[in-house]
Amino acid sequence: YLQDDLKVSTFIHHRDLGPGYTDQQMFEAMRDILRILLLITEQFLNNYDLSNIIMKYASHSVSPVNEKRVVLLVQQTQLYNIPGSLYDVLEDSRIIVISDLSAHLDYAQRQAIKQCLRDIQ
């Protein structure tokens, strides 16, 4: 949806950095992008070694100058597993709940994502 419909350039570290990338390269890439959109799923939280560090980095990247930098797409079953440090720096409108990851985004979810990506300060 982001790339095909909205024509948004995306960075996916597993795809874009290639094999053998370092954690430092990933964090440098995160530092240099305008928006951080995290997909918070059970698999991300439980099976990805860097999930806590990435969420902590994302929470620290939010500042009064760029308070709308981070957007979360959250699997509904994981909504209450978002770390407080990340949840506390985000407005509710920056957290978009996805009930079924295998289904297409519904109209409200697509509109919420569009609005979050338009909110550039």
N, C-alpha and C. Protein backbone atom coordinates (compact mmCIF):
# COMPACT_ATOMS: atom_id res chain seq x y z
N TYR A 1 0.83 -1.20 0.00
CA TYR A 1 0.00 0.00 0.00
C TYR A 1 0.87 1.26 0.00
N LEU A 2 1.87 1.30 0.86
CA LEU A 2 2.71 2.49 0.95
C LEU A 2 3.43 2.79 -0.35
N GLN A 3 4.04 1.78 -0.92
CA GLN A 3 4.80 1.99 -2.14
C GLN A 3 3.92 2.05 -3.38
N ASP A 4 2.97 1.14 -3.49
CA ASP A 4 2.17 1.04 -4.70
C ASP A 4 1.12 2.14 -4.81
N ASP A 5 0.35 2.37 -3.77
CA ASP A 5 -0.74 3.33 -3.83
C ASP A 5 -0.32 4.75 -3.46
N LEU A 6 0.47 4.88 -2.40
CA LEU A 6 0.85 6.22 -1.94
C LEU A 6 2.14 6.72 -2.57
N LYS A 7 2.87 5.82 -3.23
CA LYS A 7 4.14 6.17 -3.88
C LYS A 7 5.15 6.71 -2.88
N VAL A 8 5.16 6.11 -1.69
CA VAL A 8 6.10 6.50 -0.64
C VAL A 8 7.33 5.63 -0.75
N SER A 9 8.49 6.25 -0.69
CA SER A 9 9.73 5.47 -0.66
C SER A 9 9.85 4.83 0.71
N THR A 10 10.17 3.57 0.72
CA THR A 10 10.30 2.86 1.99
C THR A 10 11.70 2.28 2.12
N PHE A 11 12.10 2.08 3.36
CA PHE A 11 13.37 1.43 3.67
C PHE A 11 13.04 0.25 4.56
N ILE A 12 13.38 -0.93 4.11
CA ILE A 12 13.20 -2.14 4.89
C ILE A 12 14.58 -2.76 5.03
N HIS A 13 15.10 -2.74 6.23
CA HIS A 13 16.52 -3.07 6.40
C HIS A 13 16.89 -4.43 5.86
N HIS A 14 16.06 -5.45 6.03
CA HIS A 14 16.40 -6.77 5.51
C HIS A 14 16.50 -6.75 3.98
N ARG A 15 15.71 -5.93 3.35
CA ARG A 15 15.70 -5.85 1.89
C ARG A 15 16.75 -4.88 1.37
N ASP A 16 16.85 -3.71 1.98
CA ASP A 16 17.64 -2.63 1.40
C ASP A 16 19.11 -2.63 1.80
N LEU A 17 19.45 -3.17 2.94
CA LEU A 17 20.86 -3.19 3.33
C LEU A 17 21.58 -4.42 2.80
N GLY A 18 20.85 -5.44 2.47
CA GLY A 18 21.46 -6.64 1.93
C GLY A 18 22.09 -7.50 3.01
N PRO A 19 22.61 -8.64 2.61
CA PRO A 19 23.19 -9.56 3.59
C PRO A 19 24.44 -8.98 4.23
N GLY A 20 24.63 -9.31 5.49
CA GLY A 20 25.83 -8.89 6.20
C GLY A 20 25.82 -7.45 6.70
N TYR A 21 24.66 -6.81 6.72
CA TYR A 21 24.61 -5.43 7.22
C TYR A 21 24.87 -5.42 8.72
N THR A 22 25.35 -4.30 9.20
CA THR A 22 25.59 -4.18 10.64
C THR A 22 24.44 -3.43 11.29
N ASP A 23 24.31 -3.62 12.59
CA ASP A 23 23.29 -2.89 13.34
C ASP A 23 23.51 -1.39 13.19
N GLN A 24 24.77 -0.97 13.18
CA GLN A 24 25.10 0.45 13.04
C GLN A 24 24.55 1.01 11.73
N GLN A 25 24.67 0.25 10.64
CA GLN A 25 24.13 0.71 9.36
C GLN A 25 22.62 0.89 9.43
N MET A 26 21.96 -0.01 10.12
CA MET A 26 20.51 0.08 10.25
C MET A 26 20.13 1.34 11.04
N PHE A 27 20.81 1.59 12.14
CA PHE A 27 20.48 2.76 12.96
C PHE A 27 20.83 4.06 12.25
N GLU A 28 21.89 4.07 11.46
CA GLU A 28 22.22 5.25 10.66
C GLU A 28 21.12 5.51 9.64
N ALA A 29 20.61 4.47 9.02
CA ALA A 29 19.52 4.62 8.06
C ALA A 29 18.27 5.16 8.76
N MET A 30 17.97 4.66 9.95
CA MET A 30 16.80 5.15 10.70
C MET A 30 16.98 6.62 11.07
N ARG A 31 18.20 7.00 11.39
CA ARG A 31 18.48 8.39 11.75
C ARG A 31 18.22 9.33 10.58
N ASP A 32 18.51 8.86 9.38
CA ASP A 32 18.47 9.71 8.20
C ASP A 32 17.10 9.79 7.52
N ILE A 33 16.13 8.99 7.95
CA ILE A 33 14.83 9.03 7.28
C ILE A 33 13.88 10.01 7.97
N LEU A 34 12.91 10.47 7.21
CA LEU A 34 11.95 11.46 7.72
C LEU A 34 10.95 10.84 8.68
N ARG A 35 10.44 9.66 8.36
CA ARG A 35 9.43 8.99 9.17
C ARG A 35 9.90 7.60 9.54
N ILE A 36 9.56 7.18 10.74
CA ILE A 36 9.78 5.80 11.16
C ILE A 36 8.40 5.17 11.32
N LEU A 37 8.13 4.16 10.52
CA LEU A 37 6.87 3.44 10.61
C LEU A 37 7.21 2.03 11.07
N LEU A 38 6.78 1.70 12.26
CA LEU A 38 7.06 0.38 12.82
C LEU A 38 5.83 -0.50 12.73
N LEU A 39 6.02 -1.71 12.28
CA LEU A 39 4.97 -2.71 12.27
C LEU A 39 5.20 -3.60 13.49
N ILE A 40 4.35 -3.43 14.49
CA ILE A 40 4.50 -4.15 15.76
C ILE A 40 3.61 -5.39 15.71
N THR A 41 4.25 -6.54 15.57
CA THR A 41 3.54 -7.82 15.53
C THR A 41 4.07 -8.72 16.63
N GLU A 42 3.37 -9.80 16.87
CA GLU A 42 3.85 -10.77 17.86
C GLU A 42 5.22 -11.31 17.45
N GLN A 43 5.39 -11.57 16.17
CA GLN A 43 6.67 -12.08 15.69
C GLN A 43 7.78 -11.06 15.90
N PHE A 44 7.53 -9.79 15.61
CA PHE A 44 8.53 -8.74 15.82
C PHE A 44 8.92 -8.67 17.29
N LEU A 45 7.93 -8.67 18.16
CA LEU A 45 8.22 -8.53 19.59
C LEU A 45 8.90 -9.75 20.19
N ASN A 46 8.52 -10.93 19.75
CA ASN A 46 9.02 -12.15 20.39
C ASN A 46 10.19 -12.82 19.68
N ASN A 47 10.35 -12.57 18.39
CA ASN A 47 11.36 -13.31 17.64
C ASN A 47 12.46 -12.46 17.02
N TYR A 48 12.38 -11.16 17.16
CA TYR A 48 13.39 -10.30 16.55
C TYR A 48 14.26 -9.72 17.66
N ASP A 49 15.53 -10.09 17.65
CA ASP A 49 16.44 -9.72 18.74
C ASP A 49 16.55 -8.22 18.98
N LEU A 50 16.42 -7.43 17.94
CA LEU A 50 16.63 -5.99 18.07
C LEU A 50 15.33 -5.20 18.30
N SER A 51 14.21 -5.89 18.50
CA SER A 51 12.94 -5.17 18.59
C SER A 51 12.94 -4.13 19.71
N ASN A 52 13.42 -4.47 20.88
CA ASN A 52 13.43 -3.51 21.99
C ASN A 52 14.33 -2.32 21.70
N ILE A 53 15.48 -2.57 21.10
CA ILE A 53 16.40 -1.48 20.78
C ILE A 53 15.79 -0.57 19.72
N ILE A 54 15.16 -1.16 18.72
CA ILE A 54 14.54 -0.36 17.66
C ILE A 54 13.41 0.50 18.23
N MET A 55 12.58 -0.07 19.09
CA MET A 55 11.49 0.72 19.68
C MET A 55 12.04 1.81 20.59
N LYS A 56 13.09 1.52 21.31
CA LYS A 56 13.71 2.54 22.16
C LYS A 56 14.30 3.66 21.31
N TYR A 57 14.98 3.28 20.22
CA TYR A 57 15.54 4.27 19.30
C TYR A 57 14.42 5.14 18.73
N ALA A 58 13.33 4.51 18.32
CA ALA A 58 12.20 5.26 17.76
C ALA A 58 11.64 6.23 18.79
N SER A 59 11.51 5.80 20.03
CA SER A 59 10.96 6.70 21.06
C SER A 59 11.90 7.88 21.31
N HIS A 60 13.20 7.65 21.26
CA HIS A 60 14.15 8.74 21.47
C HIS A 60 14.27 9.67 20.27
N SER A 61 13.79 9.23 19.11
CA SER A 61 13.86 10.08 17.92
C SER A 61 12.72 11.10 17.88
N VAL A 62 11.73 10.93 18.74
CA VAL A 62 10.62 11.89 18.82
C VAL A 62 11.05 13.04 19.71
N SER A 63 10.89 14.26 19.19
CA SER A 63 11.26 15.44 19.95
C SER A 63 10.21 16.52 19.72
N PRO A 64 10.26 17.61 20.49
CA PRO A 64 9.31 18.70 20.26
C PRO A 64 9.38 19.26 18.84
N VAL A 65 10.54 19.16 18.22
CA VAL A 65 10.71 19.66 16.86
C VAL A 65 10.09 18.70 15.84
N ASN A 66 10.10 17.42 16.15
CA ASN A 66 9.58 16.43 15.21
C ASN A 66 8.74 15.39 15.95
N GLU A 67 7.71 15.85 16.61
CA GLU A 67 6.91 14.97 17.47
C GLU A 67 6.06 13.96 16.70
N LYS A 68 5.95 14.14 15.39
CA LYS A 68 5.12 13.23 14.59
C LYS A 68 5.97 12.33 13.70
N ARG A 69 7.21 12.09 14.09
CA ARG A 69 8.14 11.32 13.27
C ARG A 69 7.80 9.83 13.24
N VAL A 70 7.24 9.30 14.30
CA VAL A 70 7.03 7.86 14.42
C VAL A 70 5.54 7.51 14.27
N VAL A 71 5.29 6.47 13.49
CA VAL A 71 3.95 5.92 13.30
C VAL A 71 4.03 4.43 13.61
N LEU A 72 3.06 3.93 14.36
CA LEU A 72 3.02 2.50 14.65
C LEU A 72 1.82 1.86 13.96
N LEU A 73 2.07 0.77 13.29
CA LEU A 73 1.02 -0.14 12.84
C LEU A 73 1.12 -1.32 13.78
N VAL A 74 0.07 -1.55 14.55
CA VAL A 74 0.15 -2.53 15.64
C VAL A 74 -0.88 -3.64 15.43
N GLN A 75 -0.40 -4.86 15.48
CA GLN A 75 -1.29 -6.02 15.47
C GLN A 75 -2.16 -5.91 16.72
N GLN A 76 -3.46 -6.03 16.55
CA GLN A 76 -4.41 -5.79 17.65
C GLN A 76 -4.06 -6.57 18.91
N THR A 77 -3.61 -7.79 18.75
CA THR A 77 -3.29 -8.63 19.92
C THR A 77 -2.04 -8.14 20.65
N GLN A 78 -1.30 -7.22 20.05
CA GLN A 78 -0.05 -6.74 20.66
C GLN A 78 -0.16 -5.30 21.16
N LEU A 79 -1.34 -4.75 21.10
CA LEU A 79 -1.53 -3.34 21.48
C LEU A 79 -1.02 -3.06 22.89
N TYR A 80 -1.24 -3.96 23.80
CA TYR A 80 -0.84 -3.73 25.19
C TYR A 80 0.60 -4.16 25.46
N ASN A 81 1.31 -4.57 24.42
CA ASN A 81 2.71 -4.95 24.57
C ASN A 81 3.66 -3.87 24.06
N ILE A 82 3.11 -2.74 23.65
CA ILE A 82 3.96 -1.62 23.24
C ILE A 82 4.65 -1.08 24.49
N PRO A 83 5.96 -0.94 24.47
CA PRO A 83 6.64 -0.42 25.66
C PRO A 83 6.15 0.99 26.02
N GLY A 84 6.04 1.25 27.29
CA GLY A 84 5.59 2.55 27.76
C GLY A 84 6.44 3.69 27.24
N SER A 85 7.74 3.46 27.10
CA SER A 85 8.64 4.52 26.61
C SER A 85 8.27 4.95 25.20
N LEU A 86 7.74 4.05 24.40
CA LEU A 86 7.32 4.39 23.05
C LEU A 86 5.89 4.94 23.06
N TYR A 87 5.02 4.28 23.77
CA TYR A 87 3.62 4.70 23.84
C TYR A 87 3.49 6.12 24.38
N ASP A 88 4.31 6.46 25.36
CA ASP A 88 4.21 7.77 26.02
C ASP A 88 4.57 8.95 25.12
N VAL A 89 5.36 8.73 24.07
CA VAL A 89 5.78 9.84 23.21
C VAL A 89 4.90 10.00 21.97
N LEU A 90 3.91 9.13 21.82
CA LEU A 90 3.07 9.16 20.63
C LEU A 90 1.65 9.62 20.94
N GLU A 91 1.10 10.42 20.04
CA GLU A 91 -0.32 10.73 20.11
C GLU A 91 -1.09 9.47 19.69
N ASP A 92 -2.30 9.32 20.18
CA ASP A 92 -3.10 8.15 19.83
C ASP A 92 -3.30 8.01 18.32
N SER A 93 -3.37 9.13 17.61
CA SER A 93 -3.58 9.09 16.16
C SER A 93 -2.38 8.50 15.43
N ARG A 94 -1.24 8.37 16.10
CA ARG A 94 -0.02 7.81 15.49
C ARG A 94 0.05 6.30 15.68
N ILE A 95 -0.93 5.72 16.35
CA ILE A 95 -0.97 4.28 16.58
C ILE A 95 -2.18 3.72 15.83
N ILE A 96 -1.91 2.95 14.80
CA ILE A 96 -2.96 2.41 13.95
C ILE A 96 -3.05 0.90 14.19
N VAL A 97 -4.21 0.46 14.63
CA VAL A 97 -4.40 -0.94 15.00
C VAL A 97 -4.84 -1.74 13.78
N ILE A 98 -4.16 -2.87 13.58
CA ILE A 98 -4.47 -3.78 12.49
C ILE A 98 -4.98 -5.09 13.10
N SER A 99 -6.23 -5.44 12.82
CA SER A 99 -6.78 -6.65 13.45
C SER A 99 -6.34 -7.91 12.72
N ASP A 100 -6.29 -7.87 11.41
CA ASP A 100 -5.94 -9.07 10.64
C ASP A 100 -4.80 -8.73 9.68
N LEU A 101 -3.61 -9.23 9.97
CA LEU A 101 -2.44 -8.91 9.16
C LEU A 101 -2.51 -9.51 7.75
N SER A 102 -3.33 -10.52 7.56
CA SER A 102 -3.42 -11.14 6.24
C SER A 102 -4.45 -10.44 5.34
N ALA A 103 -5.26 -9.57 5.92
CA ALA A 103 -6.29 -8.86 5.15
C ALA A 103 -5.75 -7.53 4.64
N HIS A 104 -6.42 -7.00 3.63
CA HIS A 104 -6.09 -5.67 3.14
C HIS A 104 -6.46 -4.64 4.20
N LEU A 105 -5.76 -3.53 4.18
CA LEU A 105 -6.11 -2.43 5.09
C LEU A 105 -7.50 -1.92 4.74
N ASP A 106 -8.27 -1.58 5.75
CA ASP A 106 -9.59 -1.02 5.47
C ASP A 106 -9.47 0.48 5.22
N TYR A 107 -10.58 1.10 4.86
CA TYR A 107 -10.57 2.52 4.50
C TYR A 107 -10.05 3.38 5.65
N ALA A 108 -10.52 3.15 6.86
CA ALA A 108 -10.11 3.97 8.01
C ALA A 108 -8.61 3.83 8.27
N GLN A 109 -8.08 2.63 8.14
CA GLN A 109 -6.65 2.42 8.34
C GLN A 109 -5.83 3.13 7.26
N ARG A 110 -6.27 3.03 6.02
CA ARG A 110 -5.56 3.71 4.92
C ARG A 110 -5.58 5.22 5.11
N GLN A 111 -6.73 5.76 5.52
CA GLN A 111 -6.83 7.20 5.76
C GLN A 111 -5.93 7.63 6.92
N ALA A 112 -5.90 6.84 7.98
CA ALA A 112 -5.05 7.16 9.13
C ALA A 112 -3.58 7.17 8.74
N ILE A 113 -3.17 6.21 7.94
CA ILE A 113 -1.78 6.17 7.48
C ILE A 113 -1.48 7.39 6.61
N LYS A 114 -2.38 7.71 5.69
CA LYS A 114 -2.19 8.90 4.83
C LYS A 114 -2.02 10.15 5.68
N GLN A 115 -2.88 10.32 6.67
CA GLN A 115 -2.81 11.51 7.52
C GLN A 115 -1.49 11.56 8.28
N CYS A 116 -1.07 10.44 8.82
CA CYS A 116 0.20 10.41 9.55
C CYS A 116 1.38 10.76 8.66
N LEU A 117 1.34 10.31 7.42
CA LEU A 117 2.44 10.59 6.51
C LEU A 117 2.40 12.02 6.00
N ARG A 118 1.24 12.65 6.03
CA ARG A 118 1.12 14.06 5.63
C ARG A 118 1.58 15.01 6.72
N ASP A 119 1.48 14.58 7.96
CA ASP A 119 1.81 15.44 9.10
C ASP A 119 3.32 15.68 9.18
N ILE A 120 3.78 16.60 8.40
CA ILE A 120 5.20 16.93 8.42
C ILE A 120 5.36 18.27 9.10
N GLN A 121 6.24 18.27 10.08
CA GLN A 121 6.47 19.53 10.79
C GLN A 121 7.77 20.13 10.34
